[in-house]
Amino acid sequence: MSEPTSYNEWMHDIRTRCQEIFALSEPNAKVQALATLCSQATQGLIDPERVLNPDCPVGRPERPALKPPKLVPSRKPSSPEGLAALVHSVCHIEFNAINLALDAAWRFAGMPQDYYLDWLGVAYEESTHFAMLQSLLQEMGHAYGEFDAHDGLWEMCHKTRHDALARMALVPRILEARGLDATPQIQAKLQTVNTPHALKASDILDIILRDEVTHVQVGNRWYKWLCERARLDPLAHSEHLATTYLAPKLRPPFNLLARRQAGFTELELKRLGA
């Protein structure tokens, strides 16, 4: 990846750099490049109107093999292999989440500067989650890519690539918010297993849950900002988009505390119960 040749080039290069990092296929290179960009971001500005190639392919390694969700074996952590597969599944989610946040940071023009900085920050935090889980996998004698995975999260990202409002409504507020509900249940299973690797995985999930509340909050904030700009009712339009894009139905139990912290309204939480 080439470095900007002048300060003026750097000042208008953050979105372009996000796209370049998005296109990197080697996970460790993506993580390192993102850390470098974040450490330098305060030195630069963002050109929100810059036209970038909308067909830039996402960078991913050849493995893991991606299969339909129903063809990915269930992951019970009671055996060492099952625990490694479970950790791998979360690791894969976090790798996808890096790309999701980078995509949001470079794809949609015409947003306020804080929007781009928010999603750059989210991408960086997702990369730290991935790095922790990848390290744990290595401690367990495995590597990212060894187990099959599915691509459900990325499919919705692709479907909403033409509409920032749909992206904010459906990816952070529906798909990623499901992690707020699922994480405590996964942790309960890991604590039952009660091995050093399982407990370390549970500790990492504590960090991920804390950060994901903020990430979903970012999605909520910009979804509501876009609705206000378009004079749309956030709740009604969210339900319309969920139907239009065939978003998955949400099922209990719900982590209501985390969802409140992430910016969901009491009316939205009540509709979840309905």
Protein backbone atom coordinates (compact mmCIF):
# COMPACT_ATOMS: atom_id res chain seq x y z
CA MET A 1 0.00 0.00 0.00
CA SER A 2 1.60 3.29 -1.08
CA GLU A 3 1.91 6.14 1.37
CA PRO A 4 0.59 9.64 0.52
CA THR A 5 3.34 11.74 -1.02
CA SER A 6 2.35 15.05 0.55
CA TYR A 7 0.38 16.48 3.44
CA ASN A 8 -2.28 17.79 1.04
CA GLU A 9 -2.70 14.30 -0.41
CA TRP A 10 -2.98 12.85 3.09
CA MET A 11 -5.59 15.42 4.12
CA HIS A 12 -8.07 14.04 1.59
CA ASP A 13 -7.00 10.43 1.71
CA ILE A 14 -8.69 8.82 4.75
CA ARG A 15 -11.69 7.42 2.86
CA THR A 16 -9.41 6.19 0.08
CA ARG A 17 -7.15 4.52 2.62
CA CYS A 18 -10.18 2.85 4.19
CA GLN A 19 -11.04 1.43 0.78
CA GLU A 20 -7.48 0.23 0.24
CA ILE A 21 -7.47 -1.54 3.62
CA PHE A 22 -10.92 -2.96 2.86
CA ALA A 23 -9.42 -4.56 -0.27
CA LEU A 24 -6.51 -6.24 1.57
CA SER A 25 -7.07 -10.00 1.73
CA GLU A 26 -4.45 -11.04 4.30
CA PRO A 27 -6.00 -10.62 7.76
CA ASN A 28 -2.87 -9.57 9.63
CA ALA A 29 -1.98 -7.03 6.94
CA LYS A 30 -5.48 -5.59 7.21
CA VAL A 31 -5.23 -5.33 10.99
CA GLN A 32 -1.81 -3.67 10.88
CA ALA A 33 -2.73 -1.21 8.13
CA LEU A 34 -5.86 -0.22 10.03
CA ALA A 35 -3.89 0.39 13.22
CA THR A 36 -1.48 2.61 11.28
CA LEU A 37 -4.30 4.60 9.70
CA CYS A 38 -6.04 5.15 13.04
CA SER A 39 -2.82 6.35 14.65
CA GLN A 40 -2.44 8.99 11.92
CA ALA A 41 -6.09 9.92 11.33
CA THR A 42 -6.00 13.05 13.50
CA GLN A 43 -3.40 14.49 11.10
CA GLY A 44 -5.78 14.37 8.17
CA LEU A 45 -9.13 15.55 6.90
CA ILE A 46 -11.80 13.78 4.90
CA ASP A 47 -13.29 14.70 1.55
CA PRO A 48 -16.88 13.44 1.88
CA GLU A 49 -17.63 14.09 -1.81
CA ARG A 50 -14.70 12.16 -3.22
CA VAL A 51 -15.88 9.58 -5.79
CA LEU A 52 -14.54 6.11 -5.03
CA ASN A 53 -14.95 2.90 -7.00
CA PRO A 54 -18.24 1.42 -5.72
CA ASP A 55 -17.35 -2.02 -7.09
CA CYS A 56 -14.15 -2.43 -5.06
CA PRO A 57 -14.08 -6.11 -4.02
CA VAL A 58 -13.82 -6.95 -0.35
CA GLY A 59 -10.47 -8.43 0.62
CA ARG A 60 -10.72 -11.84 2.28
CA PRO A 61 -8.44 -14.87 2.50
CA GLU A 62 -9.24 -18.02 0.52
CA ARG A 63 -10.17 -19.76 3.75
CA PRO A 64 -12.43 -20.27 5.62
CA ALA A 65 -14.68 -22.04 3.16
CA LEU A 66 -18.02 -20.23 3.11
CA LYS A 67 -21.18 -22.33 3.18
CA PRO A 68 -24.91 -21.72 3.76
CA PRO A 69 -25.61 -21.37 7.51
CA LYS A 70 -27.50 -24.67 7.68
CA LEU A 71 -24.44 -26.53 6.34
CA VAL A 72 -22.05 -25.16 8.98
CA PRO A 73 -21.86 -27.69 11.85
CA SER A 74 -23.11 -26.63 15.27
CA ARG A 75 -20.39 -25.57 17.70
CA LYS A 76 -20.64 -27.14 21.16
CA PRO A 77 -17.72 -26.08 23.35
CA SER A 78 -17.73 -29.21 25.54
CA SER A 79 -14.87 -30.75 23.51
CA PRO A 80 -11.56 -29.06 22.58
CA GLU A 81 -12.45 -29.25 18.87
CA GLY A 82 -15.92 -27.85 19.50
CA LEU A 83 -14.52 -25.02 21.60
CA ALA A 84 -12.03 -24.15 18.86
CA ALA A 85 -14.84 -24.17 16.28
CA LEU A 86 -16.92 -21.85 18.47
CA VAL A 87 -14.01 -19.43 18.94
CA HIS A 88 -13.39 -19.60 15.19
CA SER A 89 -17.01 -18.69 14.42
CA VAL A 90 -16.77 -15.56 16.57
CA CYS A 91 -13.36 -14.76 15.05
CA HIS A 92 -14.95 -14.94 11.58
CA ILE A 93 -17.75 -12.60 12.66
CA GLU A 94 -15.18 -10.09 13.89
CA PHE A 95 -13.19 -10.30 10.64
CA ASN A 96 -16.38 -9.62 8.69
CA ALA A 97 -17.14 -6.76 11.08
CA ILE A 98 -13.82 -5.09 10.19
CA ASN A 99 -14.85 -5.07 6.55
CA LEU A 100 -18.40 -3.96 7.35
CA ALA A 101 -17.14 -0.91 9.24
CA LEU A 102 -14.53 -0.07 6.59
CA ASP A 103 -17.19 -0.36 3.90
CA ALA A 104 -19.41 2.09 5.80
CA ALA A 105 -16.42 4.42 6.17
CA TRP A 106 -15.55 4.69 2.48
CA ARG A 107 -18.66 3.84 0.48
CA PHE A 108 -21.24 6.49 1.31
CA ALA A 109 -20.44 10.02 0.17
CA GLY A 110 -22.02 13.19 1.47
CA MET A 111 -22.00 12.37 5.16
CA PRO A 112 -20.59 14.53 7.99
CA GLN A 113 -16.93 14.06 8.89
CA ASP A 114 -17.89 12.53 12.25
CA TYR A 115 -19.69 9.73 10.41
CA TYR A 116 -16.47 8.60 8.72
CA LEU A 117 -14.41 8.92 11.89
CA ASP A 118 -17.02 6.93 13.83
CA TRP A 119 -16.87 4.00 11.41
CA LEU A 120 -13.08 4.13 11.18
CA GLY A 121 -13.00 3.82 14.98
CA VAL A 122 -15.43 0.92 14.87
CA ALA A 123 -13.28 -0.84 12.26
CA TYR A 124 -10.22 -0.47 14.47
CA GLU A 125 -11.97 -1.91 17.54
CA GLU A 126 -13.29 -4.83 15.47
CA SER A 127 -9.71 -5.49 14.36
CA THR A 128 -8.56 -5.72 17.99
CA HIS A 129 -11.33 -8.25 18.67
CA PHE A 130 -10.24 -10.31 15.69
CA ALA A 131 -6.60 -10.20 16.80
CA MET A 132 -7.46 -11.41 20.33
CA LEU A 133 -9.56 -14.30 19.03
CA GLN A 134 -6.99 -15.26 16.41
CA SER A 135 -4.32 -15.34 19.12
CA LEU A 136 -6.52 -17.58 21.27
CA LEU A 137 -7.08 -19.92 18.34
CA GLN A 138 -3.33 -20.17 17.89
CA GLU A 139 -2.91 -20.98 21.60
CA MET A 140 -5.40 -23.81 21.05
CA GLY A 141 -3.41 -25.19 18.12
CA HIS A 142 -5.64 -23.84 15.36
CA ALA A 143 -5.73 -20.96 12.90
CA TYR A 144 -8.32 -18.69 11.39
CA GLY A 145 -9.62 -20.35 8.24
CA GLU A 146 -9.47 -23.96 9.48
CA PHE A 147 -13.22 -24.29 10.08
CA ASP A 148 -16.09 -23.70 7.67
CA ALA A 149 -18.08 -20.48 8.11
CA HIS A 150 -21.12 -18.75 6.66
CA ASP A 151 -21.47 -15.33 5.06
CA GLY A 152 -24.87 -14.07 6.27
CA LEU A 153 -23.58 -10.81 7.71
CA TRP A 154 -21.73 -9.87 4.55
CA GLU A 155 -24.68 -10.72 2.28
CA MET A 156 -26.76 -7.96 3.91
CA CYS A 157 -23.85 -5.55 3.58
CA HIS A 158 -23.76 -6.28 -0.16
CA LYS A 159 -27.53 -5.89 -0.55
CA THR A 160 -27.47 -2.43 1.07
CA ARG A 161 -24.42 -1.12 -0.79
CA HIS A 162 -26.51 1.49 -2.68
CA ASP A 163 -28.31 2.99 0.33
CA ALA A 164 -26.69 4.35 3.49
CA LEU A 165 -30.07 4.52 5.23
CA ALA A 166 -30.77 0.83 4.60
CA ARG A 167 -27.22 -0.07 5.67
CA MET A 168 -27.53 1.72 9.00
CA ALA A 169 -31.00 0.29 9.60
CA LEU A 170 -30.23 -3.33 8.85
CA VAL A 171 -26.58 -4.11 9.55
CA PRO A 172 -25.71 -2.47 12.90
CA ARG A 173 -29.30 -2.18 14.21
CA ILE A 174 -30.50 -5.68 13.33
CA LEU A 175 -27.67 -8.07 12.45
CA GLU A 176 -24.93 -6.73 14.71
CA ALA A 177 -27.39 -6.01 17.52
CA ARG A 178 -28.13 -9.74 17.58
CA GLY A 179 -24.66 -10.12 19.05
CA LEU A 180 -25.78 -8.13 22.09
CA ASP A 181 -28.41 -10.82 22.70
CA ALA A 182 -26.28 -13.85 21.83
CA THR A 183 -23.05 -13.01 23.66
CA PRO A 184 -24.29 -13.62 27.25
CA GLN A 185 -25.67 -17.00 26.17
CA ILE A 186 -22.35 -18.00 24.62
CA GLN A 187 -20.52 -16.88 27.75
CA ALA A 188 -22.79 -19.00 29.92
CA LYS A 189 -21.84 -22.07 27.88
CA LEU A 190 -18.15 -21.22 28.06
CA GLN A 191 -18.27 -20.78 31.83
CA THR A 192 -19.93 -24.17 32.17
CA VAL A 193 -17.04 -25.75 30.28
CA ASN A 194 -14.69 -24.02 32.75
CA THR A 195 -11.36 -24.75 31.03
CA PRO A 196 -8.63 -22.09 30.77
CA HIS A 197 -9.28 -21.55 27.07
CA ALA A 198 -13.04 -21.39 27.56
CA LEU A 199 -12.70 -18.86 30.38
CA LYS A 200 -10.28 -16.78 28.31
CA ALA A 201 -12.78 -16.81 25.46
CA SER A 202 -15.48 -15.61 27.86
CA ASP A 203 -13.21 -12.77 29.03
CA ILE A 204 -12.63 -11.70 25.42
CA LEU A 205 -16.39 -11.72 24.88
CA ASP A 206 -16.72 -9.30 27.81
CA ILE A 207 -14.57 -6.84 25.86
CA ILE A 208 -16.44 -7.49 22.63
CA LEU A 209 -19.85 -6.98 24.27
CA ARG A 210 -18.73 -3.70 25.82
CA ASP A 211 -17.46 -2.41 22.49
CA GLU A 212 -20.40 -3.73 20.46
CA VAL A 213 -22.81 -1.67 22.54
CA THR A 214 -20.94 1.40 21.27
CA HIS A 215 -20.85 0.07 17.69
CA VAL A 216 -24.61 -0.49 17.60
CA GLN A 217 -25.01 2.95 19.16
CA VAL A 218 -23.07 4.40 16.22
CA GLY A 219 -25.45 2.67 13.82
CA ASN A 220 -28.47 3.94 15.74
CA ARG A 221 -27.14 7.49 15.81
CA TRP A 222 -26.51 7.69 12.05
CA TYR A 223 -29.71 5.84 11.14
CA LYS A 224 -31.75 8.38 13.09
CA TRP A 225 -29.73 11.25 11.60
CA LEU A 226 -30.46 9.99 8.08
CA CYS A 227 -34.16 9.53 8.90
CA GLU A 228 -34.33 13.08 10.24
CA ARG A 229 -32.68 14.41 7.09
CA ALA A 230 -35.16 12.49 4.91
CA ARG A 231 -38.13 13.32 7.20
CA LEU A 232 -38.87 9.65 7.82
CA ASP A 233 -40.25 8.01 10.94
CA PRO A 234 -37.36 5.83 12.20
CA LEU A 235 -39.43 2.97 13.57
CA ALA A 236 -41.85 2.71 10.65
CA HIS A 237 -39.08 2.99 8.08
CA SER A 238 -36.94 0.42 9.85
CA GLU A 239 -39.79 -2.09 9.69
CA HIS A 240 -40.33 -1.25 6.01
CA LEU A 241 -36.65 -1.82 5.22
CA ALA A 242 -36.55 -5.07 7.20
CA THR A 243 -39.41 -6.39 5.07
CA THR A 244 -37.99 -5.06 1.80
CA TYR A 245 -34.53 -6.56 2.35
CA LEU A 246 -35.75 -9.79 4.00
CA ALA A 247 -33.91 -9.16 7.23
CA PRO A 248 -33.96 -12.12 9.64
CA LYS A 249 -36.70 -12.21 12.25
CA LEU A 250 -35.45 -11.41 15.75
CA ARG A 251 -36.24 -13.94 18.45
CA PRO A 252 -35.85 -13.73 22.25
CA PRO A 253 -34.16 -13.68 24.63
CA PHE A 254 -33.13 -10.06 24.17
CA ASN A 255 -30.41 -8.26 26.11
CA LEU A 256 -32.61 -5.28 26.93
CA LEU A 257 -30.00 -3.54 29.08
CA ALA A 258 -27.40 -3.61 26.32
CA ARG A 259 -29.96 -2.56 23.72
CA ARG A 260 -30.99 0.42 25.83
CA GLN A 261 -27.33 1.39 26.24
CA ALA A 262 -26.94 1.09 22.45
CA GLY A 263 -29.69 3.65 21.86
CA PHE A 264 -32.83 1.64 21.16
CA THR A 265 -35.97 3.39 22.39
CA GLU A 266 -38.49 1.85 24.76
CA LEU A 267 -41.00 1.71 21.91
CA GLU A 268 -38.51 -0.24 19.77
CA LEU A 269 -37.88 -2.66 22.64
CA LYS A 270 -41.63 -3.07 23.14
CA ARG A 271 -42.03 -3.91 19.44
CA LEU A 272 -39.34 -6.57 19.83
CA GLY A 273 -41.57 -8.27 22.37
CA ALA A 274 -44.50 -8.08 19.96
